[in-house]
PDB file of N, CA and C in Angstrom:
ATOM      1  N   MET A   1      75.766 131.122 129.592  1.00  0.00           N
ATOM      2  CA  MET A   1      76.514 131.375 130.911  1.00  0.00           C
ATOM      3  C   MET A   1      77.662 132.119 130.200  1.00  0.00           C
ATOM      4  N   PRO A   2      78.076 132.968 131.228  1.00  0.00           N
ATOM      5  CA  PRO A   2      79.435 134.175 130.638  1.00  0.00           C
ATOM      6  C   PRO A   2      80.575 132.993 130.620  1.00  0.00           C
ATOM      7  N   LEU A   3      81.254 133.448 130.130  1.00  0.00           N
ATOM      8  CA  LEU A   3      82.545 133.023 129.866  1.00  0.00           C
ATOM      9  C   LEU A   3      83.700 133.425 130.954  1.00  0.00           C
ATOM     10  N   ALA A   4      84.312 132.228 132.016  1.00  0.00           N
ATOM     11  CA  ALA A   4      85.324 132.694 133.259  1.00  0.00           C
ATOM     12  C   ALA A   4      85.670 134.217 133.019  1.00  0.00           C
ATOM     13  N   LYS A   5      87.007 133.504 131.602  1.00  0.00           N
ATOM     14  CA  LYS A   5      87.268 135.366 131.742  1.00  0.00           C
ATOM     15  C   LYS A   5      86.997 136.251 131.864  1.00  0.00           C
ATOM     16  N   LYS A   6      85.430 136.479 131.234  1.00  0.00           N
ATOM     17  CA  LYS A   6      84.955 137.850 131.204  1.00  0.00           C
ATOM     18  C   LYS A   6      84.497 138.139 132.335  1.00  0.00           C
ATOM     19  N   MET A   7      84.139 136.897 133.508  1.00  0.00           N
ATOM     20  CA  MET A   7      84.174 136.807 134.507  1.00  0.00           C
ATOM     21  C   MET A   7      84.859 138.014 135.692  1.00  0.00           C
ATOM     22  N   MET A   8      86.103 136.837 135.348  1.00  0.00           N
ATOM     23  CA  MET A   8      87.418 137.224 135.920  1.00  0.00           C
ATOM     24  C   MET A   8      87.885 138.992 135.362  1.00  0.00           C
ATOM     25  N   GLY A   9      87.372 138.950 134.300  1.00  0.00           N
ATOM     26  CA  GLY A   9      87.689 140.615 133.956  1.00  0.00           C
ATOM     27  C   GLY A   9      87.052 141.393 134.729  1.00  0.00           C
ATOM     28  N   GLY A  10      86.276 141.088 135.215  1.00  0.00           N
ATOM     29  CA  GLY A  10      85.472 141.704 135.799  1.00  0.00           C
ATOM     30  C   GLY A  10      84.888 141.831 137.391  1.00  0.00           C
ATOM     31  N   GLY A  11      86.450 141.452 137.455  1.00  0.00           N
ATOM     32  CA  GLY A  11      86.848 141.385 139.236  1.00  0.00           C
ATOM     33  C   GLY A  11      86.338 139.969 140.165  1.00  0.00           C
ATOM     34  N   LEU A  12      85.823 138.732 139.294  1.00  0.00           N
ATOM     35  CA  LEU A  12      85.320 138.037 140.120  1.00  0.00           C
ATOM     36  C   LEU A  12      86.167 136.766 139.923  1.00  0.00           C
ATOM     37  N   SER A  13      86.697 136.444 141.038  1.00  0.00           N
ATOM     38  CA  SER A  13      87.929 135.124 141.465  1.00  0.00           C
ATOM     39  C   SER A  13      87.797 134.173 140.373  1.00  0.00           C
ATOM     40  N   SER A  14      89.000 133.696 139.911  1.00  0.00           N
ATOM     41  CA  SER A  14      88.984 132.173 139.132  1.00  0.00           C
ATOM     42  C   SER A  14      88.655 131.002 139.797  1.00  0.00           C
ATOM     43  N   GLY A  15      88.173 131.462 140.992  1.00  0.00           N
ATOM     44  CA  GLY A  15      87.614 130.109 141.828  1.00  0.00           C
ATOM     45  C   GLY A  15      86.223 130.194 141.747  1.00  0.00           C
ATOM     46  N   GLY A  16      85.756 131.231 141.916  1.00  0.00           N
ATOM     47  CA  GLY A  16      84.487 131.932 141.979  1.00  0.00           C
ATOM     48  C   GLY A  16      84.122 132.076 140.421  1.00  0.00           C
ATOM     49  N   ALA A  17      84.365 131.775 139.325  1.00  0.00           N
ATOM     50  CA  ALA A  17      84.025 132.033 138.203  1.00  0.00           C
ATOM     51  C   ALA A  17      84.209 130.281 137.801  1.00  0.00           C
ATOM     52  N   LYS A  18      84.863 129.751 138.089  1.00  0.00           N
ATOM     53  CA  LYS A  18      84.861 128.125 137.831  1.00  0.00           C
ATOM     54  C   LYS A  18      83.526 127.817 138.487  1.00  0.00           C
ATOM     55  N   ALA A  19      83.654 128.131 139.641  1.00  0.00           N
ATOM     56  CA  ALA A  19      82.376 127.640 140.437  1.00  0.00           C
ATOM     57  C   ALA A  19      80.823 127.609 139.702  1.00  0.00           C
ATOM     58  N   ILE A  20      80.913 128.848 139.116  1.00  0.00           N
ATOM     59  CA  ILE A  20      79.508 129.451 138.467  1.00  0.00           C
ATOM     60  C   ILE A  20      79.272 129.123 136.953  1.00  0.00           C
ATOM     61  N   ASN A  21      80.423 128.262 136.390  1.00  0.00           N
ATOM     62  CA  ASN A  21      80.736 127.765 135.103  1.00  0.00           C
ATOM     63  C   ASN A  21      80.675 125.925 135.074  1.00  0.00           C
ATOM     64  N   GLY A  22      81.044 125.938 136.504  1.00  0.00           N
ATOM     65  CA  GLY A  22      81.074 124.345 136.751  1.00  0.00           C
ATOM     66  C   GLY A  22      82.138 123.803 136.021  1.00  0.00           C
ATOM     67  N   ASP A  23      82.959 122.500 136.977  1.00  0.00           N
ATOM     68  CA  ASP A  23      84.508 122.019 136.653  1.00  0.00           C
ATOM     69  C   ASP A  23      83.694 120.985 135.411  1.00  0.00           C
ATOM     70  N   ILE A  24      84.661 120.453 135.211  1.00  0.00           N
ATOM     71  CA  ILE A  24      84.891 119.648 133.776  1.00  0.00           C
ATOM     72  C   ILE A  24      85.765 118.240 134.352  1.00  0.00           C
ATOM     73  N   ALA A  25      85.463 117.405 134.572  1.00  0.00           N
ATOM     74  CA  ALA A  25      86.476 115.851 134.340  1.00  0.00           C
ATOM     75  C   ALA A  25      86.399 115.325 132.747  1.00  0.00           C
ATOM     76  N   THR A  26      87.657 114.962 132.756  1.00  0.00           N
ATOM     77  CA  THR A  26      87.824 114.239 131.410  1.00  0.00           C
ATOM     78  C   THR A  26      88.646 113.193 131.419  1.00  0.00           C
ATOM     79  N   ALA A  27      88.415 112.299 130.386  1.00  0.00           N
ATOM     80  CA  ALA A  27      89.412 111.246 130.304  1.00  0.00           C
ATOM     81  C   ALA A  27      88.566 109.854 131.341  1.00  0.00           C
ATOM     82  N   LEU A  28      87.710 110.015 132.115  1.00  0.00           N
ATOM     83  CA  LEU A  28      87.025 109.232 132.854  1.00  0.00           C
ATOM     84  C   LEU A  28      86.632 107.320 132.389  1.00  0.00           C
ATOM     85  N   THR A  29      87.033 107.049 133.191  1.00  0.00           N
ATOM     86  CA  THR A  29      86.646 104.925 132.891  1.00  0.00           C
ATOM     87  C   THR A  29      85.153 105.066 133.233  1.00  0.00           C
ATOM     88  N   ALA A  30      84.580 104.245 132.723  1.00  0.00           N
ATOM     89  CA  ALA A  30      83.313 103.524 133.493  1.00  0.00           C
ATOM     90  C   ALA A  30      83.468 102.795 133.980  1.00  0.00           C
ATOM     91  N   ALA A  31      82.247 102.181 135.139  1.00  0.00           N
ATOM     92  CA  ALA A  31      83.119 100.930 136.106  1.00  0.00           C
ATOM     93  C   ALA A  31      81.676 100.288 136.653  1.00  0.00           C
ATOM     94  N   GLY A  32      81.949  99.056 136.649  1.00  0.00           N
ATOM     95  CA  GLY A  32      80.812  98.566 137.314  1.00  0.00           C
ATOM     96  C   GLY A  32      79.395  98.423 136.237  1.00  0.00           C
ATOM     97  N   THR A  33      78.767  97.304 136.736  1.00  0.00           N
ATOM     98  CA  THR A  33      77.565  97.019 136.268  1.00  0.00           C
ATOM     99  C   THR A  33      76.012  97.271 136.675  1.00  0.00           C
ATOM    100  N   THR A  34      76.262  97.759 138.035  1.00  0.00           N
ATOM    101  CA  THR A  34      74.843  98.005 138.397  1.00  0.00           C
ATOM    102  C   THR A  34      75.041  99.294 139.014  1.00  0.00           C
ATOM    103  N   GLN A  35      73.933 100.302 139.635  1.00  0.00           N
ATOM    104  CA  GLN A  35      73.646 101.631 140.154  1.00  0.00           C
ATOM    105  C   GLN A  35      75.046 101.515 141.194  1.00  0.00           C
ATOM    106  N   ALA A  36      74.647 100.686 141.896  1.00  0.00           N
ATOM    107  CA  ALA A  36      76.256 100.569 143.093  1.00  0.00           C
ATOM    108  C   ALA A  36      77.196 100.732 143.018  1.00  0.00           C
ATOM    109  N   THR A  37      77.657  99.940 141.564  1.00  0.00           N
ATOM    110  CA  THR A  37      79.026  99.665 141.483  1.00  0.00           C
ATOM    111  C   THR A  37      79.506 100.888 140.134  1.00  0.00           C
ATOM    112  N   ALA A  38      78.528 101.481 139.843  1.00  0.00           N
ATOM    113  CA  ALA A  38      78.117 102.451 138.797  1.00  0.00           C
ATOM    114  C   ALA A  38      80.182 103.606 138.994  1.00  0.00           C
ATOM    115  N   LYS A  39      80.566 104.022 138.262  1.00  0.00           N
ATOM    116  CA  LYS A  39      81.692 105.431 138.728  1.00  0.00           C
ATOM    117  C   LYS A  39      80.761 106.086 139.298  1.00  0.00           C
ATOM    118  N   ALA A  40      81.114 107.282 140.089  1.00  0.00           N
ATOM    119  CA  ALA A  40      80.813 108.419 140.859  1.00  0.00           C
ATOM    120  C   ALA A  40      80.848 109.405 139.556  1.00  0.00           C
ATOM    121  N   ILE A  41      79.847 110.542 138.944  1.00  0.00           N
ATOM    122  CA  ILE A  41      80.011 111.596 138.491  1.00  0.00           C
ATOM    123  C   ILE A  41      79.800 112.410 139.529  1.00  0.00           C
ATOM    124  N   ASN A  42      81.550 113.388 139.560  1.00  0.00           N
ATOM    125  CA  ASN A  42      81.442 114.357 140.639  1.00  0.00           C
ATOM    126  C   ASN A  42      81.661 115.775 140.127  1.00  0.00           C
ATOM    127  N   SER A  43      81.294 116.210 138.856  1.00  0.00           N
ATOM    128  CA  SER A  43      81.477 117.273 138.223  1.00  0.00           C
ATOM    129  C   SER A  43      80.305 117.325 137.359  1.00  0.00           C
ATOM    130  N   GLY A  44      80.108 118.944 136.923  1.00  0.00           N
ATOM    131  CA  GLY A  44      79.486 119.717 136.333  1.00  0.00           C
ATOM    132  C   GLY A  44      79.419 119.151 134.737  1.00  0.00           C
ATOM    133  N   VAL A  45      80.717 118.718 134.141  1.00  0.00           N
ATOM    134  CA  VAL A  45      80.583 118.317 133.028  1.00  0.00           C
ATOM    135  C   VAL A  45      81.505 116.583 132.897  1.00  0.00           C
ATOM    136  N   ALA A  46      80.976 115.512 132.714  1.00  0.00           N
ATOM    137  CA  ALA A  46      81.855 114.704 132.884  1.00  0.00           C
ATOM    138  C   ALA A  46      82.102 113.541 131.395  1.00  0.00           C
ATOM    139  N   VAL A  47      83.388 113.660 130.802  1.00  0.00           N
ATOM    140  CA  VAL A  47      84.158 113.209 129.824  1.00  0.00           C
ATOM    141  C   VAL A  47      84.589 111.663 130.202  1.00  0.00           C
ATOM    142  N   PHE A  48      83.900 110.990 129.266  1.00  0.00           N
ATOM    143  CA  PHE A  48      84.060 109.376 129.400  1.00  0.00           C
ATOM    144  C   PHE A  48      85.297 109.113 128.291  1.00  0.00           C
ATOM    145  N   GLY A  49      86.666 108.586 128.536  1.00  0.00           N
ATOM    146  CA  GLY A  49      86.674 107.810 127.428  1.00  0.00           C
ATOM    147  C   GLY A  49      86.780 106.203 127.204  1.00  0.00           C
ATOM    148  N   THR A  50      87.053 105.608 128.281  1.00  0.00           N
ATOM    149  CA  THR A  50      87.270 104.102 128.065  1.00  0.00           C
ATOM    150  C   THR A  50      85.389 103.900 128.620  1.00  0.00           C
ATOM    151  N   VAL A  51      85.255 102.672 128.048  1.00  0.00           N
ATOM    152  CA  VAL A  51      83.575 102.124 128.550  1.00  0.00           C
ATOM    153  C   VAL A  51      83.642 100.982 128.255  1.00  0.00           C
ATOM    154  N   ALA A  52      84.238 100.395 129.128  1.00  0.00           N
ATOM    155  CA  ALA A  52      84.087  98.809 128.931  1.00  0.00           C
ATOM    156  C   ALA A  52      82.300  98.351 128.516  1.00  0.00           C
ATOM    157  N   ALA A  53      82.189  97.509 127.971  1.00  0.00           N
ATOM    158  CA  ALA A  53      81.343  96.725 127.957  1.00  0.00           C
ATOM    159  C   ALA A  53      80.172  96.420 129.108  1.00  0.00           C
ATOM    160  N   SER A  54      78.770  97.095 129.105  1.00  0.00           N
ATOM    161  CA  SER A  54      77.818  96.975 130.406  1.00  0.00           C
ATOM    162  C   SER A  54      78.850  98.200 131.500  1.00  0.00           C
ATOM    163  N   SER A  55      79.546  98.821 131.157  1.00  0.00           N
ATOM    164  CA  SER A  55      79.823  99.814 132.544  1.00  0.00           C
ATOM    165  C   SER A  55      79.109 101.121 132.459  1.00  0.00           C
ATOM    166  N   GLY A  56      79.075 101.510 133.497  1.00  0.00           N
ATOM    167  CA  GLY A  56      78.066 102.648 134.009  1.00  0.00           C
ATOM    168  C   GLY A  56      78.640 103.939 134.835  1.00  0.00           C
ATOM    169  N   ALA A  57      78.128 104.493 134.761  1.00  0.00           N
ATOM    170  CA  ALA A  57      77.979 106.120 135.887  1.00  0.00           C
ATOM    171  C   ALA A  57      76.450 106.104 136.174  1.00  0.00           C
ATOM    172  N   ILE A  58      76.875 106.684 137.524  1.00  0.00           N
ATOM    173  CA  ILE A  58      76.298 107.352 138.615  1.00  0.00           C
ATOM    174  C   ILE A  58      75.624 109.196 138.570  1.00  0.00           C
ATOM    175  N   LEU A  59      75.125 109.327 138.425  1.00  0.00           N
ATOM    176  CA  LEU A  59      75.075 110.663 138.767  1.00  0.00           C
ATOM    177  C   LEU A  59      74.704 110.844 139.795  1.00  0.00           C
ATOM    178  N   PRO A  60      75.508 112.666 140.333  1.00  0.00           N
ATOM    179  CA  PRO A  60      75.463 113.090 141.333  1.00  0.00           C
ATOM    180  C   PRO A  60      74.131 113.157 142.333  1.00  0.00           C
ATOM    181  N   ALA A  61      73.804 113.042 143.470  1.00  0.00           N
ATOM    182  CA  ALA A  61      72.242 113.990 144.108  1.00  0.00           C
ATOM    183  C   ALA A  61      72.655 115.775 144.171  1.00  0.00           C
ATOM    184  N   CYS A  62      72.260 115.744 143.038  1.00  0.00           N
ATOM    185  CA  CYS A  62      72.140 117.034 143.117  1.00  0.00           C
ATOM    186  C   CYS A  62      71.185 118.046 143.777  1.00  0.00           C
ATOM    187  N   GLU A  63      71.205 119.634 143.846  1.00  0.00           N
ATOM    188  CA  GLU A  63      70.139 120.557 143.814  1.00  0.00           C
ATOM    189  C   GLU A  63      69.124 120.689 142.749  1.00  0.00           C
ATOM    190  N   ILE A  64      67.552 120.562 143.189  1.00  0.00           N
ATOM    191  CA  ILE A  64      67.221 120.845 142.031  1.00  0.00           C
ATOM    192  C   ILE A  64      67.336 122.222 140.813  1.00  0.00           C
ATOM    193  N   SER A  65      67.464 121.936 140.264  1.00  0.00           N
ATOM    194  CA  SER A  65      67.658 123.086 138.461  1.00  0.00           C
ATOM    195  C   SER A  65      69.342 122.493 138.310  1.00  0.00           C
ATOM    196  N   ASP A  66      70.118 121.779 138.837  1.00  0.00           N
ATOM    197  CA  ASP A  66      71.136 121.744 138.663  1.00  0.00           C
ATOM    198  C   ASP A  66      71.146 121.085 137.588  1.00  0.00           C
ATOM    199  N   ASP A  67      72.651 120.921 136.240  1.00  0.00           N
ATOM    200  CA  ASP A  67      72.713 120.478 135.449  1.00  0.00           C
ATOM    201  C   ASP A  67      74.048 119.515 135.111  1.00  0.00           C
ATOM    202  N   VAL A  68      74.437 118.285 134.718  1.00  0.00           N
ATOM    203  CA  VAL A  68      75.008 117.671 134.773  1.00  0.00           C
ATOM    204  C   VAL A  68      75.231 117.151 132.991  1.00  0.00           C
ATOM    205  N   TRP A  69      76.414 117.311 132.599  1.00  0.00           N
ATOM    206  CA  TRP A  69      76.493 116.984 130.786  1.00  0.00           C
ATOM    207  C   TRP A  69      77.271 115.798 130.846  1.00  0.00           C
ATOM    208  N   VAL A  70      77.131 114.880 130.057  1.00  0.00           N
ATOM    209  CA  VAL A  70      77.928 113.672 130.492  1.00  0.00           C
ATOM    210  C   VAL A  70      78.166 113.634 128.771  1.00  0.00           C
ATOM    211  N   TYR A  71      79.719 112.859 128.142  1.00  0.00           N
ATOM    212  CA  TYR A  71      79.983 112.490 126.968  1.00  0.00           C
ATOM    213  C   TYR A  71      80.405 111.221 127.168  1.00  0.00           C
ATOM    214  N   ASN A  72      80.175 109.832 126.048  1.00  0.00           N
ATOM    215  CA  ASN A  72      80.517 108.943 125.977  1.00  0.00           C
ATOM    216  C   ASN A  72      81.429 109.067 124.570  1.00  0.00           C
ATOM    217  N   GLY A  73      82.556 108.903 125.400  1.00  0.00           N
ATOM    218  CA  GLY A  73      83.707 108.862 123.993  1.00  0.00           C
ATOM    219  C   GLY A  73      84.637 108.121 124.155  1.00  0.00           C
ATOM    220  N   GLY A  74      84.180 106.509 124.664  1.00  0.00           N
ATOM    221  CA  GLY A  74      84.540 104.965 124.656  1.00  0.00           C
ATOM    222  C   GLY A  74      83.966 103.849 123.742  1.00  0.00           C
ATOM    223  N   ALA A  75      83.989 102.996 124.246  1.00  0.00           N
ATOM    224  CA  ALA A  75      83.981 102.383 122.735  1.00  0.00           C
ATOM    225  C   ALA A  75      82.664 101.343 122.628  1.00  0.00           C
ATOM    226  N   ASN A  76      82.093 101.720 123.773  1.00  0.00           N
ATOM    227  CA  ASN A  76      80.631 100.965 123.856  1.00  0.00           C
ATOM    228  C   ASN A  76      79.541 102.082 124.349  1.00  0.00           C
ATOM    229  N   ALA A  77      78.748 101.233 124.842  1.00  0.00           N
ATOM    230  CA  ALA A  77      77.192 102.166 125.398  1.00  0.00           C
ATOM    231  C   ALA A  77      77.899 102.322 126.724  1.00  0.00           C
ATOM    232  N   LEU A  78      77.308 103.590 127.265  1.00  0.00           N
ATOM    233  CA  LEU A  78      77.363 103.711 128.113  1.00  0.00           C
ATOM    234  C   LEU A  78      76.459 103.712 129.159  1.00  0.00           C
ATOM    235  N   THR A  79      76.086 102.918 130.551  1.00  0.00           N
ATOM    236  CA  THR A  79      74.722 102.973 130.887  1.00  0.00           C
ATOM    237  C   THR A  79      75.332 104.064 131.909  1.00  0.00           C
ATOM    238  N   LEU A  80      74.169 104.875 132.293  1.00  0.00           N
ATOM    239  CA  LEU A  80      74.009 106.005 132.946  1.00  0.00           C
ATOM    240  C   LEU A  80      72.812 105.552 133.944  1.00  0.00           C
ATOM    241  N   TYR A  81      73.443 105.681 135.236  1.00  0.00           N
ATOM    242  CA  TYR A  81      72.184 105.759 136.249  1.00  0.00           C
ATOM    243  C   TYR A  81      72.116 107.059 136.976  1.00  0.00           C
ATOM    244  N   PRO A  82      70.749 107.235 137.408  1.00  0.00           N
ATOM    245  CA  PRO A  82      70.058 108.549 138.197  1.00  0.00           C
ATOM    246  C   PRO A  82      70.445 108.292 139.283  1.00  0.00           C
ATOM    247  N   ASP A  83      70.903 109.172 140.664  1.00  0.00           N
ATOM    248  CA  ASP A  83      71.582 108.939 141.744  1.00  0.00           C
ATOM    249  C   ASP A  83      70.150 108.143 142.461  1.00  0.00           C
ATOM    250  N   SER A  84      70.178 107.520 144.065  1.00  0.00           N
ATOM    251  CA  SER A  84      69.459 106.517 144.424  1.00  0.00           C
ATOM    252  C   SER A  84      68.597 107.474 144.292  1.00  0.00           C
ATOM    253  N   GLY A  85      67.081 106.314 143.604  1.00  0.00           N
ATOM    254  CA  GLY A  85      65.580 106.542 144.220  1.00  0.00           C
ATOM    255  C   GLY A  85      65.233 107.541 142.964  1.00  0.00           C
ATOM    256  N   ALA A  86      66.125 108.120 141.978  1.00  0.00           N
ATOM    257  CA  ALA A  86      65.888 109.405 141.520  1.00  0.00           C
ATOM    258  C   ALA A  86      65.127 108.533 139.486  1.00  0.00           C
ATOM    259  N   ASN A  87      64.781 108.572 138.872  1.00  0.00           N
ATOM    260  CA  ASN A  87      64.960 108.337 137.255  1.00  0.00           C
ATOM    261  C   ASN A  87      65.160 109.656 136.467  1.00  0.00           C
ATOM    262  N   ILE A  88      65.926 109.346 134.938  1.00  0.00           N
ATOM    263  CA  ILE A  88      65.830 110.014 133.961  1.00  0.00           C
ATOM    264  C   ILE A  88      65.005 109.475 133.093  1.00  0.00           C
ATOM    265  N   ASN A  89      64.332 110.647 132.724  1.00  0.00           N
ATOM    266  CA  ASN A  89      63.508 110.644 131.348  1.00  0.00           C
ATOM    267  C   ASN A  89      62.480 109.927 131.819  1.00  0.00           C
ATOM    268  N   GLU A  90      61.338 109.926 133.075  1.00  0.00           N
ATOM    269  CA  GLU A  90      60.418 108.821 133.268  1.00  0.00           C
ATOM    270  C   GLU A  90      60.641 107.327 132.985  1.00  0.00           C
ATOM    271  N   GLN A  91      61.976 107.123 133.492  1.00  0.00           N
ATOM    272  CA  GLN A  91      62.132 105.979 133.025  1.00  0.00           C
ATOM    273  C   GLN A  91      61.664 105.028 134.774  1.00  0.00           C
ATOM    274  N   ALA A  92      61.948 103.601 134.718  1.00  0.00           N
ATOM    275  CA  ALA A  92      61.699 103.109 136.300  1.00  0.00           C
ATOM    276  C   ALA A  92      62.794 103.944 137.379  1.00  0.00           C
ATOM    277  N   ALA A  93      62.533 104.218 138.460  1.00  0.00           N
ATOM    278  CA  ALA A  93      63.263 104.649 139.694  1.00  0.00           C
ATOM    279  C   ALA A  93      64.768 103.350 139.126  1.00  0.00           C
ATOM    280  N   ASN A  94      66.105 104.426 139.707  1.00  0.00           N
ATOM    281  CA  ASN A  94      67.349 103.742 139.993  1.00  0.00           C
ATOM    282  C   ASN A  94      67.533 102.446 137.903  1.00  0.00           C
ATOM    283  N   ALA A  95      66.518 103.327 137.664  1.00  0.00           N
ATOM    284  CA  ALA A  95      67.005 102.264 136.004  1.00  0.00           C
ATOM    285  C   ALA A  95      68.200 103.066 135.512  1.00  0.00           C
ATOM    286  N   GLY A  96      69.085 102.289 134.211  1.00  0.00           N
ATOM    287  CA  GLY A  96      69.937 103.461 133.702  1.00  0.00           C
ATOM    288  C   GLY A  96      69.370 103.644 131.883  1.00  0.00           C
ATOM    289  N   ILE A  97      70.015 104.414 131.648  1.00  0.00           N
ATOM    290  CA  ILE A  97      69.748 104.499 130.486  1.00  0.00           C
ATOM    291  C   ILE A  97      70.840 104.527 129.086  1.00  0.00           C
ATOM    292  N   GLN A  98      70.730 103.867 128.099  1.00  0.00           N
ATOM    293  CA  GLN A  98      72.136 103.418 127.427  1.00  0.00           C
ATOM    294  C   GLN A  98      72.434 105.066 126.383  1.00  0.00           C
ATOM    295  N   LEU A  99      73.986 105.636 126.695  1.00  0.00           N
ATOM    296  CA  LEU A  99      74.039 106.557 126.369  1.00  0.00           C
ATOM    297  C   LEU A  99      74.973 106.110 125.151  1.00  0.00           C
ATOM    298  N   ALA A 100      75.153 106.221 123.601  1.00  0.00           N
ATOM    299  CA  ALA A 100      75.911 105.464 122.461  1.00  0.00           C
ATOM    300  C   ALA A 100      76.814 106.013 122.562  1.00  0.00           C
ATOM    301  N   THR A 101      77.609 105.520 121.813  1.00  0.00           N
ATOM    302  CA  THR A 101      79.028 106.116 122.014  1.00  0.00           C
ATOM    303  C   THR A 101      79.120 107.097 120.976  1.00  0.00           C
ATOM    304  N   ALA A 102      80.223 108.428 120.810  1.00  0.00           N
ATOM    305  CA  ALA A 102      80.168 109.592 120.726  1.00  0.00           C
ATOM    306  C   ALA A 102      79.309 110.258 120.626  1.00  0.00           C
ATOM    307  N   THR A 103      78.290 110.335 121.637  1.00  0.00           N
ATOM    308  CA  THR A 103      77.131 111.225 122.253  1.00  0.00           C
ATOM    309  C   THR A 103      77.017 111.769 123.340  1.00  0.00           C
ATOM    310  N   GLY A 104      76.380 112.818 123.702  1.00  0.00           N
ATOM    311  CA  GLY A 104      76.137 113.897 124.899  1.00  0.00           C
ATOM    312  C   GLY A 104      75.136 113.559 125.492  1.00  0.00           C
ATOM    313  N   ILE A 105      74.836 114.257 126.620  1.00  0.00           N
ATOM    314  CA  ILE A 105      73.384 114.077 126.591  1.00  0.00           C
ATOM    315  C   ILE A 105      73.867 115.088 128.093  1.00  0.00           C
ATOM    316  N   LYS A 106      72.735 116.434 128.376  1.00  0.00           N
ATOM    317  CA  LYS A 106      72.257 117.345 128.993  1.00  0.00           C
ATOM    318  C   LYS A 106      71.546 116.912 129.940  1.00  0.00           C
ATOM    319  N   LEU A 107      71.927 117.074 131.140  1.00  0.00           N
ATOM    320  CA  LEU A 107      70.333 116.639 132.028  1.00  0.00           C
ATOM    321  C   LEU A 107      70.456 117.855 133.366  1.00  0.00           C
ATOM    322  N   LYS A 108      69.111 117.751 133.589  1.00  0.00           N
ATOM    323  CA  LYS A 108      68.704 118.723 134.238  1.00  0.00           C
ATOM    324  C   LYS A 108      67.674 118.242 135.160  1.00  0.00           C
ATOM    325  N   ARG A 109      67.811 118.280 136.866  1.00  0.00           N
ATOM    326  CA  ARG A 109      67.531 118.087 137.918  1.00  0.00           C
ATOM    327  C   ARG A 109      66.118 118.915 138.276  1.00  0.00           C
ATOM    328  N   ILE A 110      65.001 117.930 138.588  1.00  0.00           N
ATOM    329  CA  ILE A 110      63.580 119.067 137.994  1.00  0.00           C
ATOM    330  C   ILE A 110      62.911 118.740 138.921  1.00  0.00           C
ATOM    331  N   THR A 111      62.943 117.719 140.118  1.00  0.00           N
ATOM    332  CA  THR A 111      63.032 117.303 141.137  1.00  0.00           C
ATOM    333  C   THR A 111      63.319 117.105 141.817  1.00  0.00           C
ATOM    334  N   SER A 112      63.198 115.790 143.242  1.00  0.00           N
ATOM    335  CA  SER A 112      64.228 115.647 144.001  1.00  0.00           C
ATOM    336  C   SER A 112      64.511 114.148 143.507  1.00  0.00           C
ATOM    337  N   THR A 113      63.787 113.381 142.674  1.00  0.00           N
ATOM    338  CA  THR A 113      63.445 112.373 141.698  1.00  0.00           C
ATOM    339  C   THR A 113      62.923 112.349 140.668  1.00  0.00           C
ATOM    340  N   LYS A 114      63.787 113.242 140.274  1.00  0.00           N
ATOM    341  CA  LYS A 114      63.116 113.648 138.272  1.00  0.00           C
ATOM    342  C   LYS A 114      64.721 113.904 137.701  1.00  0.00           C
ATOM    343  N   TRP A 115      64.817 113.586 136.657  1.00  0.00           N
ATOM    344  CA  TRP A 115      66.418 114.527 135.906  1.00  0.00           C
ATOM    345  C   TRP A 115      65.536 113.973 134.470  1.00  0.00           C
ATOM    346  N   ILE A 116      65.480 115.309 133.774  1.00  0.00           N
ATOM    347  CA  ILE A 116      65.498 115.336 132.009  1.00  0.00           C
ATOM    348  C   ILE A 116      66.757 115.281 131.524  1.00  0.00           C
ATOM    349  N   GLY A 117      66.981 114.569 130.027  1.00  0.00           N
ATOM    350  CA  GLY A 117      67.960 114.333 129.220  1.00  0.00           C
ATOM    351  C   GLY A 117      67.399 114.609 127.958  1.00  0.00           C
ATOM    352  N   ILE A 118      68.786 115.232 127.581  1.00  0.00           N
ATOM    353  CA  ILE A 118      68.428 116.126 125.658  1.00  0.00           C
ATOM    354  C   ILE A 118      69.729 115.451 125.763  1.00  0.00           C
ATOM    355  N   LEU A 119      69.264 114.492 124.721  1.00  0.00           N
ATOM    356  CA  LEU A 119      70.910 113.665 123.952  1.00  0.00           C
ATOM    357  C   LEU A 119      70.862 114.971 122.744  1.00  0.00           C
ATOM    358  N   SER A 120      72.817 115.053 122.517  1.00  0.00           N
ATOM    359  CA  SER A 120      72.885 115.044 120.857  1.00  0.00           C
ATOM    360  C   SER A 120      72.391 114.286 119.572  1.00  0.00           C
ATOM    361  N   ALA A 121      72.472 115.285 118.867  1.00  0.00           N
ATOM    362  CA  ALA A 121      72.569 114.978 117.450  1.00  0.00           C
ATOM    363  C   ALA A 121      73.791 114.038 117.537  1.00  0.00           C
TER     364      ALA A 121
END
């Protein structure tokens, strides 16, 4: 992915460069204990700083081939849910996965109901 700075140097607007590279939301707080009550992720990169025990986040309903990055910087595991009717890494539909503290995951939407995720080391 090219740097926004270089795209803007080539004549693309700041907004256009950010739309291509995706937006980042930081200092997020996980919420709820179910898919229905989890914190909605509304950005391409979501960085959680506060994660209470058993709390979670839900992925947005995206287009096929969209990427979402999630990082858990909180004190507890983050339960990460797919959008309604979907699954992550072949888990059951709507089932959450546990994202350990100090861990990130890059997710890609591969079908209308499937996400694949690659965990950081």
